[in-house]
Amino acid sequence: SSQRTVAATTYVAYSSADRQWCAVTV
């Protein structure tokens, strides 16, 4: 949200059992 402030983070995760990628913005 500014040069030094993280307003949120998008995480990308993987499950080898499901063979799927997942994303969530926290």
mmCIF file of all heavy atoms, coordinates in Angstrom:
data_MODEL
# 
_entry.id   MODEL 
# 
loop_
_atom_site.group_PDB 
_atom_site.id 
_atom_site.type_symbol 
_atom_site.label_atom_id 
_atom_site.label_alt_id 
_atom_site.label_comp_id 
_atom_site.label_asym_id 
_atom_site.label_entity_id 
_atom_site.label_seq_id 
_atom_site.pdbx_PDB_ins_code 
_atom_site.Cartn_x 
_atom_site.Cartn_y 
_atom_site.Cartn_z 
_atom_site.occupancy 
_atom_site.B_iso_or_equiv 
_atom_site.pdbx_formal_charge 
_atom_site.auth_seq_id 
_atom_site.auth_comp_id 
_atom_site.auth_asym_id 
_atom_site.auth_atom_id 
_atom_site.pdbx_PDB_model_num 
ATOM 1   N N   . SER A 1 1  ? 0.828  -1.202  0.000   1.00 0.00 ? 1  SER A N   1 
ATOM 2   C CA  . SER A 1 1  ? 0.000  0.000   0.000   1.00 0.00 ? 1  SER A CA  1 
ATOM 3   C C   . SER A 1 1  ? 0.865  1.257   0.000   1.00 0.00 ? 1  SER A C   1 
ATOM 4   O O   . SER A 1 1  ? 0.369  2.353   -0.181  1.00 0.00 ? 1  SER A O   1 
ATOM 5   C CB  . SER A 1 1  ? -0.947 0.010   1.198   1.00 0.00 ? 1  SER A CB  1 
ATOM 6   O OG  . SER A 1 1  ? -0.210 0.017   2.400   1.00 0.00 ? 1  SER A OG  1 
ATOM 7   N N   . SER A 1 2  ? 2.143  1.068   0.228   1.00 0.00 ? 2  SER A N   1 
ATOM 8   C CA  . SER A 1 2  ? 3.132  2.129   0.118   1.00 0.00 ? 2  SER A CA  1 
ATOM 9   C C   . SER A 1 2  ? 4.472  1.454   -0.106  1.00 0.00 ? 2  SER A C   1 
ATOM 10  O O   . SER A 1 2  ? 4.551  0.231   -0.143  1.00 0.00 ? 2  SER A O   1 
ATOM 11  C CB  . SER A 1 2  ? 3.160  3.000   1.381   1.00 0.00 ? 2  SER A CB  1 
ATOM 12  O OG  . SER A 1 2  ? 3.732  2.291   2.456   1.00 0.00 ? 2  SER A OG  1 
ATOM 13  N N   . GLN A 1 3  ? 5.510  2.246   -0.226  1.00 0.00 ? 3  GLN A N   1 
ATOM 14  C CA  . GLN A 1 3  ? 6.822  1.677   -0.505  1.00 0.00 ? 3  GLN A CA  1 
ATOM 15  C C   . GLN A 1 3  ? 7.289  0.725   0.600   1.00 0.00 ? 3  GLN A C   1 
ATOM 16  O O   . GLN A 1 3  ? 8.022  -0.220  0.335   1.00 0.00 ? 3  GLN A O   1 
ATOM 17  C CB  . GLN A 1 3  ? 7.837  2.803   -0.687  1.00 0.00 ? 3  GLN A CB  1 
ATOM 18  C CG  . GLN A 1 3  ? 9.118  2.375   -1.336  1.00 0.00 ? 3  GLN A CG  1 
ATOM 19  C CD  . GLN A 1 3  ? 9.977  3.565   -1.709  1.00 0.00 ? 3  GLN A CD  1 
ATOM 20  O OE1 . GLN A 1 3  ? 9.866  4.627   -1.113  1.00 0.00 ? 3  GLN A OE1 1 
ATOM 21  N NE2 . GLN A 1 3  ? 10.828 3.374   -2.702  1.00 0.00 ? 3  GLN A NE2 1 
ATOM 22  N N   . ARG A 1 4  ? 6.820  0.935   1.833   1.00 0.00 ? 4  ARG A N   1 
ATOM 23  C CA  . ARG A 1 4  ? 7.287  0.127   2.957   1.00 0.00 ? 4  ARG A CA  1 
ATOM 24  C C   . ARG A 1 4  ? 6.189  -0.667  3.666   1.00 0.00 ? 4  ARG A C   1 
ATOM 25  O O   . ARG A 1 4  ? 6.471  -1.372  4.608   1.00 0.00 ? 4  ARG A O   1 
ATOM 26  C CB  . ARG A 1 4  ? 7.955  1.017   3.986   1.00 0.00 ? 4  ARG A CB  1 
ATOM 27  C CG  . ARG A 1 4  ? 9.210  1.652   3.478   1.00 0.00 ? 4  ARG A CG  1 
ATOM 28  C CD  . ARG A 1 4  ? 9.863  2.432   4.565   1.00 0.00 ? 4  ARG A CD  1 
ATOM 29  N NE  . ARG A 1 4  ? 11.066 3.064   4.050   1.00 0.00 ? 4  ARG A NE  1 
ATOM 30  C CZ  . ARG A 1 4  ? 11.827 3.853   4.735   1.00 0.00 ? 4  ARG A CZ  1 
ATOM 31  N NH1 . ARG A 1 4  ? 11.522 4.137   5.983   1.00 0.00 ? 4  ARG A NH1 1 
ATOM 32  N NH2 . ARG A 1 4  ? 12.909 4.397   4.206   1.00 0.00 ? 4  ARG A NH2 1 
ATOM 33  N N   . THR A 1 5  ? 4.950  -0.542  3.235   1.00 0.00 ? 5  THR A N   1 
ATOM 34  C CA  . THR A 1 5  ? 3.850  -1.173  3.948   1.00 0.00 ? 5  THR A CA  1 
ATOM 35  C C   . THR A 1 5  ? 3.199  -2.275  3.121   1.00 0.00 ? 5  THR A C   1 
ATOM 36  O O   . THR A 1 5  ? 2.708  -2.021  2.023   1.00 0.00 ? 5  THR A O   1 
ATOM 37  C CB  . THR A 1 5  ? 2.785  -0.126  4.335   1.00 0.00 ? 5  THR A CB  1 
ATOM 38  O OG1 . THR A 1 5  ? 3.420  0.915   5.076   1.00 0.00 ? 5  THR A OG1 1 
ATOM 39  C CG2 . THR A 1 5  ? 1.677  -0.754  5.163   1.00 0.00 ? 5  THR A CG2 1 
ATOM 40  N N   . VAL A 1 6  ? 3.202  -3.481  3.670   1.00 0.00 ? 6  VAL A N   1 
ATOM 41  C CA  . VAL A 1 6  ? 2.541  -4.614  3.031   1.00 0.00 ? 6  VAL A CA  1 
ATOM 42  C C   . VAL A 1 6  ? 1.099  -4.653  3.547   1.00 0.00 ? 6  VAL A C   1 
ATOM 43  O O   . VAL A 1 6  ? 0.861  -4.876  4.736   1.00 0.00 ? 6  VAL A O   1 
ATOM 44  C CB  . VAL A 1 6  ? 3.256  -5.943  3.349   1.00 0.00 ? 6  VAL A CB  1 
ATOM 45  C CG1 . VAL A 1 6  ? 2.512  -7.115  2.741   1.00 0.00 ? 6  VAL A CG1 1 
ATOM 46  C CG2 . VAL A 1 6  ? 4.697  -5.899  2.867   1.00 0.00 ? 6  VAL A CG2 1 
ATOM 47  N N   . ALA A 1 7  ? 0.136  -4.417  2.650   1.00 0.00 ? 7  ALA A N   1 
ATOM 48  C CA  . ALA A 1 7  ? -1.279 -4.415  3.035   1.00 0.00 ? 7  ALA A CA  1 
ATOM 49  C C   . ALA A 1 7  ? -1.835 -5.832  3.084   1.00 0.00 ? 7  ALA A C   1 
ATOM 50  O O   . ALA A 1 7  ? -2.736 -6.131  3.866   1.00 0.00 ? 7  ALA A O   1 
ATOM 51  C CB  . ALA A 1 7  ? -2.085 -3.560  2.071   1.00 0.00 ? 7  ALA A CB  1 
ATOM 52  N N   . ALA A 1 8  ? -1.312 -6.699  2.223   1.00 0.00 ? 8  ALA A N   1 
ATOM 53  C CA  . ALA A 1 8  ? -1.751 -8.102  2.152   1.00 0.00 ? 8  ALA A CA  1 
ATOM 54  C C   . ALA A 1 8  ? -0.660 -8.899  1.459   1.00 0.00 ? 8  ALA A C   1 
ATOM 55  O O   . ALA A 1 8  ? 0.271  -8.333  0.883   1.00 0.00 ? 8  ALA A O   1 
ATOM 56  C CB  . ALA A 1 8  ? -3.066 -8.213  1.387   1.00 0.00 ? 8  ALA A CB  1 
ATOM 57  N N   . THR A 1 9  ? -0.800 -10.218 1.501   1.00 0.00 ? 9  THR A N   1 
ATOM 58  C CA  . THR A 1 9  ? 0.133  -11.103 0.817   1.00 0.00 ? 9  THR A CA  1 
ATOM 59  C C   . THR A 1 9  ? -0.665 -12.202 0.133   1.00 0.00 ? 9  THR A C   1 
ATOM 60  O O   . THR A 1 9  ? -1.571 -12.777 0.733   1.00 0.00 ? 9  THR A O   1 
ATOM 61  C CB  . THR A 1 9  ? 1.126  -11.737 1.810   1.00 0.00 ? 9  THR A CB  1 
ATOM 62  O OG1 . THR A 1 9  ? 1.818  -10.683 2.492   1.00 0.00 ? 9  THR A OG1 1 
ATOM 63  C CG2 . THR A 1 9  ? 2.134  -12.620 1.103   1.00 0.00 ? 9  THR A CG2 1 
ATOM 64  N N   . THR A 1 10 ? -0.331 -12.469 -1.127  1.00 0.00 ? 10 THR A N   1 
ATOM 65  C CA  . THR A 1 10 ? -0.953 -13.579 -1.843  1.00 0.00 ? 10 THR A CA  1 
ATOM 66  C C   . THR A 1 10 ? -0.018 -14.778 -1.731  1.00 0.00 ? 10 THR A C   1 
ATOM 67  O O   . THR A 1 10 ? 1.146  -14.699 -2.107  1.00 0.00 ? 10 THR A O   1 
ATOM 68  C CB  . THR A 1 10 ? -1.213 -13.229 -3.311  1.00 0.00 ? 10 THR A CB  1 
ATOM 69  O OG1 . THR A 1 10 ? -2.091 -12.102 -3.350  1.00 0.00 ? 10 THR A OG1 1 
ATOM 70  C CG2 . THR A 1 10 ? -1.845 -14.395 -4.056  1.00 0.00 ? 10 THR A CG2 1 
ATOM 71  N N   . TYR A 1 11 ? -0.544 -15.867 -1.178  1.00 0.00 ? 11 TYR A N   1 
ATOM 72  C CA  . TYR A 1 11 ? 0.215  -17.105 -1.008  1.00 0.00 ? 11 TYR A CA  1 
ATOM 73  C C   . TYR A 1 11 ? -0.233 -18.118 -2.049  1.00 0.00 ? 11 TYR A C   1 
ATOM 74  O O   . TYR A 1 11 ? -1.427 -18.253 -2.315  1.00 0.00 ? 11 TYR A O   1 
ATOM 75  C CB  . TYR A 1 11 ? -0.011 -17.697 0.387   1.00 0.00 ? 11 TYR A CB  1 
ATOM 76  C CG  . TYR A 1 11 ? 0.555  -16.830 1.476   1.00 0.00 ? 11 TYR A CG  1 
ATOM 77  C CD1 . TYR A 1 11 ? -0.236 -15.884 2.114   1.00 0.00 ? 11 TYR A CD1 1 
ATOM 78  C CD2 . TYR A 1 11 ? 1.888  -16.943 1.860   1.00 0.00 ? 11 TYR A CD2 1 
ATOM 79  C CE1 . TYR A 1 11 ? 0.284  -15.075 3.114   1.00 0.00 ? 11 TYR A CE1 1 
ATOM 80  C CE2 . TYR A 1 11 ? 2.416  -16.134 2.853   1.00 0.00 ? 11 TYR A CE2 1 
ATOM 81  C CZ  . TYR A 1 11 ? 1.603  -15.200 3.471   1.00 0.00 ? 11 TYR A CZ  1 
ATOM 82  O OH  . TYR A 1 11 ? 2.125  -14.400 4.452   1.00 0.00 ? 11 TYR A OH  1 
ATOM 83  N N   . VAL A 1 12 ? 0.735  -18.835 -2.625  1.00 0.00 ? 12 VAL A N   1 
ATOM 84  C CA  . VAL A 1 12 ? 0.446  -19.902 -3.572  1.00 0.00 ? 12 VAL A CA  1 
ATOM 85  C C   . VAL A 1 12 ? 0.992  -21.195 -2.973  1.00 0.00 ? 12 VAL A C   1 
ATOM 86  O O   . VAL A 1 12 ? 2.173  -21.286 -2.637  1.00 0.00 ? 12 VAL A O   1 
ATOM 87  C CB  . VAL A 1 12 ? 1.074  -19.636 -4.951  1.00 0.00 ? 12 VAL A CB  1 
ATOM 88  C CG1 . VAL A 1 12 ? 0.721  -20.749 -5.924  1.00 0.00 ? 12 VAL A CG1 1 
ATOM 89  C CG2 . VAL A 1 12 ? 0.610  -18.287 -5.502  1.00 0.00 ? 12 VAL A CG2 1 
ATOM 90  N N   . ALA A 1 13 ? 0.102  -22.174 -2.830  1.00 0.00 ? 13 ALA A N   1 
ATOM 91  C CA  . ALA A 1 13 ? 0.454  -23.452 -2.213  1.00 0.00 ? 13 ALA A CA  1 
ATOM 92  C C   . ALA A 1 13 ? 0.108  -24.585 -3.173  1.00 0.00 ? 13 ALA A C   1 
ATOM 93  O O   . ALA A 1 13 ? -0.693 -24.420 -4.091  1.00 0.00 ? 13 ALA A O   1 
ATOM 94  C CB  . ALA A 1 13 ? -0.309 -23.614 -0.903  1.00 0.00 ? 13 ALA A CB  1 
ATOM 95  N N   . TYR A 1 14 ? 0.725  -25.738 -2.941  1.00 0.00 ? 14 TYR A N   1 
ATOM 96  C CA  . TYR A 1 14 ? 0.506  -26.899 -3.812  1.00 0.00 ? 14 TYR A CA  1 
ATOM 97  C C   . TYR A 1 14 ? 0.271  -28.143 -2.973  1.00 0.00 ? 14 TYR A C   1 
ATOM 98  O O   . TYR A 1 14 ? 0.901  -28.336 -1.927  1.00 0.00 ? 14 TYR A O   1 
ATOM 99  C CB  . TYR A 1 14 ? 1.721  -27.125 -4.717  1.00 0.00 ? 14 TYR A CB  1 
ATOM 100 C CG  . TYR A 1 14 ? 1.547  -28.294 -5.648  1.00 0.00 ? 14 TYR A CG  1 
ATOM 101 C CD1 . TYR A 1 14 ? 0.678  -28.224 -6.727  1.00 0.00 ? 14 TYR A CD1 1 
ATOM 102 C CD2 . TYR A 1 14 ? 2.230  -29.487 -5.426  1.00 0.00 ? 14 TYR A CD2 1 
ATOM 103 C CE1 . TYR A 1 14 ? 0.497  -29.305 -7.575  1.00 0.00 ? 14 TYR A CE1 1 
ATOM 104 C CE2 . TYR A 1 14 ? 2.055  -30.570 -6.274  1.00 0.00 ? 14 TYR A CE2 1 
ATOM 105 C CZ  . TYR A 1 14 ? 1.186  -30.470 -7.339  1.00 0.00 ? 14 TYR A CZ  1 
ATOM 106 O OH  . TYR A 1 14 ? 1.000  -31.549 -8.173  1.00 0.00 ? 14 TYR A OH  1 
ATOM 107 N N   . SER A 1 15 ? -0.622 -29.011 -3.445  1.00 0.00 ? 15 SER A N   1 
ATOM 108 C CA  . SER A 1 15 ? -0.849 -30.316 -2.828  1.00 0.00 ? 15 SER A CA  1 
ATOM 109 C C   . SER A 1 15 ? -0.475 -31.394 -3.832  1.00 0.00 ? 15 SER A C   1 
ATOM 110 O O   . SER A 1 15 ? -1.113 -31.507 -4.892  1.00 0.00 ? 15 SER A O   1 
ATOM 111 C CB  . SER A 1 15 ? -2.316 -30.482 -2.424  1.00 0.00 ? 15 SER A CB  1 
ATOM 112 O OG  . SER A 1 15 ? -2.582 -31.829 -2.098  1.00 0.00 ? 15 SER A OG  1 
ATOM 113 N N   . SER A 1 16 ? 0.534  -32.182 -3.511  1.00 0.00 ? 16 SER A N   1 
ATOM 114 C CA  . SER A 1 16 ? 0.916  -33.267 -4.423  1.00 0.00 ? 16 SER A CA  1 
ATOM 115 C C   . SER A 1 16 ? -0.153 -34.361 -4.432  1.00 0.00 ? 16 SER A C   1 
ATOM 116 O O   . SER A 1 16 ? -0.339 -35.034 -5.438  1.00 0.00 ? 16 SER A O   1 
ATOM 117 C CB  . SER A 1 16 ? 2.282  -33.839 -4.036  1.00 0.00 ? 16 SER A CB  1 
ATOM 118 O OG  . SER A 1 16 ? 2.273  -34.270 -2.694  1.00 0.00 ? 16 SER A OG  1 
ATOM 119 N N   . ALA A 1 17 ? -0.875 -34.524 -3.335  1.00 0.00 ? 17 ALA A N   1 
ATOM 120 C CA  . ALA A 1 17 ? -1.938 -35.539 -3.290  1.00 0.00 ? 17 ALA A CA  1 
ATOM 121 C C   . ALA A 1 17 ? -3.098 -35.163 -4.216  1.00 0.00 ? 17 ALA A C   1 
ATOM 122 O O   . ALA A 1 17 ? -3.643 -36.002 -4.922  1.00 0.00 ? 17 ALA A O   1 
ATOM 123 C CB  . ALA A 1 17 ? -2.438 -35.710 -1.864  1.00 0.00 ? 17 ALA A CB  1 
ATOM 124 N N   . ASP A 1 18 ? -3.462 -33.872 -4.209  1.00 0.00 ? 18 ASP A N   1 
ATOM 125 C CA  . ASP A 1 18 ? -4.578 -33.396 -5.046  1.00 0.00 ? 18 ASP A CA  1 
ATOM 126 C C   . ASP A 1 18 ? -4.127 -32.966 -6.434  1.00 0.00 ? 18 ASP A C   1 
ATOM 127 O O   . ASP A 1 18 ? -4.957 -32.746 -7.308  1.00 0.00 ? 18 ASP A O   1 
ATOM 128 C CB  . ASP A 1 18 ? -5.278 -32.224 -4.366  1.00 0.00 ? 18 ASP A CB  1 
ATOM 129 C CG  . ASP A 1 18 ? -5.950 -32.603 -3.068  1.00 0.00 ? 18 ASP A CG  1 
ATOM 130 O OD1 . ASP A 1 18 ? -6.224 -33.803 -2.867  1.00 0.00 ? 18 ASP A OD1 1 
ATOM 131 O OD2 . ASP A 1 18 ? -6.200 -31.703 -2.243  1.00 0.00 ? 18 ASP A OD2 1 
ATOM 132 N N   . ARG A 1 19 ? -2.805 -32.797 -6.610  1.00 0.00 ? 19 ARG A N   1 
ATOM 133 C CA  . ARG A 1 19 ? -2.236 -32.280 -7.865  1.00 0.00 ? 19 ARG A CA  1 
ATOM 134 C C   . ARG A 1 19 ? -2.907 -30.967 -8.254  1.00 0.00 ? 19 ARG A C   1 
ATOM 135 O O   . ARG A 1 19 ? -3.298 -30.747 -9.390  1.00 0.00 ? 19 ARG A O   1 
ATOM 136 C CB  . ARG A 1 19 ? -2.322 -33.314 -8.981  1.00 0.00 ? 19 ARG A CB  1 
ATOM 137 C CG  . ARG A 1 19 ? -1.477 -34.555 -8.708  1.00 0.00 ? 19 ARG A CG  1 
ATOM 138 C CD  . ARG A 1 19 ? -1.450 -35.560 -9.832  1.00 0.00 ? 19 ARG A CD  1 
ATOM 139 N NE  . ARG A 1 19 ? -1.149 -35.031 -11.153 1.00 0.00 ? 19 ARG A NE  1 
ATOM 140 C CZ  . ARG A 1 19 ? 0.075  -34.788 -11.646 1.00 0.00 ? 19 ARG A CZ  1 
ATOM 141 N NH1 . ARG A 1 19 ? 1.126  -35.012 -10.901 1.00 0.00 ? 19 ARG A NH1 1 
ATOM 142 N NH2 . ARG A 1 19 ? 0.226  -34.331 -12.866 1.00 0.00 ? 19 ARG A NH2 1 
ATOM 143 N N   . GLN A 1 20 ? -3.042 -30.086 -7.247  1.00 0.00 ? 20 GLN A N   1 
ATOM 144 C CA  . GLN A 1 20 ? -3.665 -28.786 -7.453  1.00 0.00 ? 20 GLN A CA  1 
ATOM 145 C C   . GLN A 1 20 ? -2.850 -27.685 -6.801  1.00 0.00 ? 20 GLN A C   1 
ATOM 146 O O   . GLN A 1 20 ? -2.230 -27.884 -5.758  1.00 0.00 ? 20 GLN A O   1 
ATOM 147 C CB  . GLN A 1 20 ? -5.068 -28.738 -6.832  1.00 0.00 ? 20 GLN A CB  1 
ATOM 148 C CG  . GLN A 1 20 ? -6.132 -29.432 -7.606  1.00 0.00 ? 20 GLN A CG  1 
ATOM 149 C CD  . GLN A 1 20 ? -7.509 -29.092 -7.050  1.00 0.00 ? 20 GLN A CD  1 
ATOM 150 O OE1 . GLN A 1 20 ? -7.687 -28.908 -5.856  1.00 0.00 ? 20 GLN A OE1 1 
ATOM 151 N NE2 . GLN A 1 20 ? -8.480 -29.015 -7.931  1.00 0.00 ? 20 GLN A NE2 1 
ATOM 152 N N   . TRP A 1 21 ? -2.897 -26.504 -7.444  1.00 0.00 ? 21 TRP A N   1 
ATOM 153 C CA  . TRP A 1 21 ? -2.362 -25.282 -6.875  1.00 0.00 ? 21 TRP A CA  1 
ATOM 154 C C   . TRP A 1 21 ? -3.508 -24.567 -6.176  1.00 0.00 ? 21 TRP A C   1 
ATOM 155 O O   . TRP A 1 21 ? -4.666 -24.703 -6.565  1.00 0.00 ? 21 TRP A O   1 
ATOM 156 C CB  . TRP A 1 21 ? -1.780 -24.382 -7.962  1.00 0.00 ? 21 TRP A CB  1 
ATOM 157 C CG  . TRP A 1 21 ? -0.509 -24.909 -8.541  1.00 0.00 ? 21 TRP A CG  1 
ATOM 158 C CD1 . TRP A 1 21 ? -0.361 -25.578 -9.717  1.00 0.00 ? 21 TRP A CD1 1 
ATOM 159 C CD2 . TRP A 1 21 ? 0.786  -24.834 -7.956  1.00 0.00 ? 21 TRP A CD2 1 
ATOM 160 N NE1 . TRP A 1 21 ? 0.955  -25.926 -9.896  1.00 0.00 ? 21 TRP A NE1 1 
ATOM 161 C CE2 . TRP A 1 21 ? 1.678  -25.476 -8.832  1.00 0.00 ? 21 TRP A CE2 1 
ATOM 162 C CE3 . TRP A 1 21 ? 1.281  -24.285 -6.777  1.00 0.00 ? 21 TRP A CE3 1 
ATOM 163 C CZ2 . TRP A 1 21 ? 3.041  -25.571 -8.566  1.00 0.00 ? 21 TRP A CZ2 1 
ATOM 164 C CZ3 . TRP A 1 21 ? 2.635  -24.384 -6.517  1.00 0.00 ? 21 TRP A CZ3 1 
ATOM 165 C CH2 . TRP A 1 21 ? 3.506  -25.021 -7.407  1.00 0.00 ? 21 TRP A CH2 1 
ATOM 166 N N   . CYS A 1 22 ? -3.187 -23.785 -5.179  1.00 0.00 ? 22 CYS A N   1 
ATOM 167 C CA  . CYS A 1 22 ? -4.166 -23.019 -4.424  1.00 0.00 ? 22 CYS A CA  1 
ATOM 168 C C   . CYS A 1 22 ? -3.574 -21.638 -4.166  1.00 0.00 ? 22 CYS A C   1 
ATOM 169 O O   . CYS A 1 22 ? -2.366 -21.498 -3.982  1.00 0.00 ? 22 CYS A O   1 
ATOM 170 C CB  . CYS A 1 22 ? -4.458 -23.715 -3.097  1.00 0.00 ? 22 CYS A CB  1 
ATOM 171 S SG  . CYS A 1 22 ? -5.488 -22.747 -1.980  1.00 0.00 ? 22 CYS A SG  1 
ATOM 172 N N   . ALA A 1 23 ? -4.432 -20.621 -4.150  1.00 0.00 ? 23 ALA A N   1 
ATOM 173 C CA  . ALA A 1 23 ? -3.978 -19.274 -3.818  1.00 0.00 ? 23 ALA A CA  1 
ATOM 174 C C   . ALA A 1 23 ? -4.966 -18.623 -2.861  1.00 0.00 ? 23 ALA A C   1 
ATOM 175 O O   . ALA A 1 23 ? -6.171 -18.866 -2.929  1.00 0.00 ? 23 ALA A O   1 
ATOM 176 C CB  . ALA A 1 23 ? -3.820 -18.427 -5.074  1.00 0.00 ? 23 ALA A CB  1 
ATOM 177 N N   . VAL A 1 24 ? -4.429 -17.800 -1.980  1.00 0.00 ? 24 VAL A N   1 
ATOM 178 C CA  . VAL A 1 24 ? -5.231 -17.045 -1.022  1.00 0.00 ? 24 VAL A CA  1 
ATOM 179 C C   . VAL A 1 24 ? -4.516 -15.717 -0.766  1.00 0.00 ? 24 VAL A C   1 
ATOM 180 O O   . VAL A 1 24 ? -3.289 -15.674 -0.697  1.00 0.00 ? 24 VAL A O   1 
ATOM 181 C CB  . VAL A 1 24 ? -5.440 -17.848 0.291   1.00 0.00 ? 24 VAL A CB  1 
ATOM 182 C CG1 . VAL A 1 24 ? -4.140 -18.199 0.953   1.00 0.00 ? 24 VAL A CG1 1 
ATOM 183 C CG2 . VAL A 1 24 ? -6.365 -17.127 1.242   1.00 0.00 ? 24 VAL A CG2 1 
ATOM 184 N N   . THR A 1 25 ? -5.277 -14.626 -0.700  1.00 0.00 ? 25 THR A N   1 
ATOM 185 C CA  . THR A 1 25 ? -4.720 -13.319 -0.356  1.00 0.00 ? 25 THR A CA  1 
ATOM 186 C C   . THR A 1 25 ? -5.104 -13.024 1.080   1.00 0.00 ? 25 THR A C   1 
ATOM 187 O O   . THR A 1 25 ? -6.293 -12.975 1.410   1.00 0.00 ? 25 THR A O   1 
ATOM 188 C CB  . THR A 1 25 ? -5.241 -12.215 -1.299  1.00 0.00 ? 25 THR A CB  1 
ATOM 189 O OG1 . THR A 1 25 ? -4.812 -12.506 -2.629  1.00 0.00 ? 25 THR A OG1 1 
ATOM 190 C CG2 . THR A 1 25 ? -4.710 -10.849 -0.902  1.00 0.00 ? 25 THR A CG2 1 
ATOM 191 N N   . VAL A 1 26 ? -4.091 -12.838 1.941   1.00 0.00 ? 26 VAL A N   1 
ATOM 192 C CA  . VAL A 1 26 ? -4.297 -12.647 3.376   1.00 0.00 ? 26 VAL A CA  1 
ATOM 193 C C   . VAL A 1 26 ? -3.937 -11.211 3.743   1.00 0.00 ? 26 VAL A C   1 
ATOM 194 O O   . VAL A 1 26 ? -2.838 -10.741 3.450   1.00 0.00 ? 26 VAL A O   1 
ATOM 195 C CB  . VAL A 1 26 ? -3.438 -13.636 4.195   1.00 0.00 ? 26 VAL A CB  1 
ATOM 196 C CG1 . VAL A 1 26 ? -3.657 -13.432 5.686   1.00 0.00 ? 26 VAL A CG1 1 
ATOM 197 C CG2 . VAL A 1 26 ? -3.742 -15.072 3.793   1.00 0.00 ? 26 VAL A CG2 1 
# 
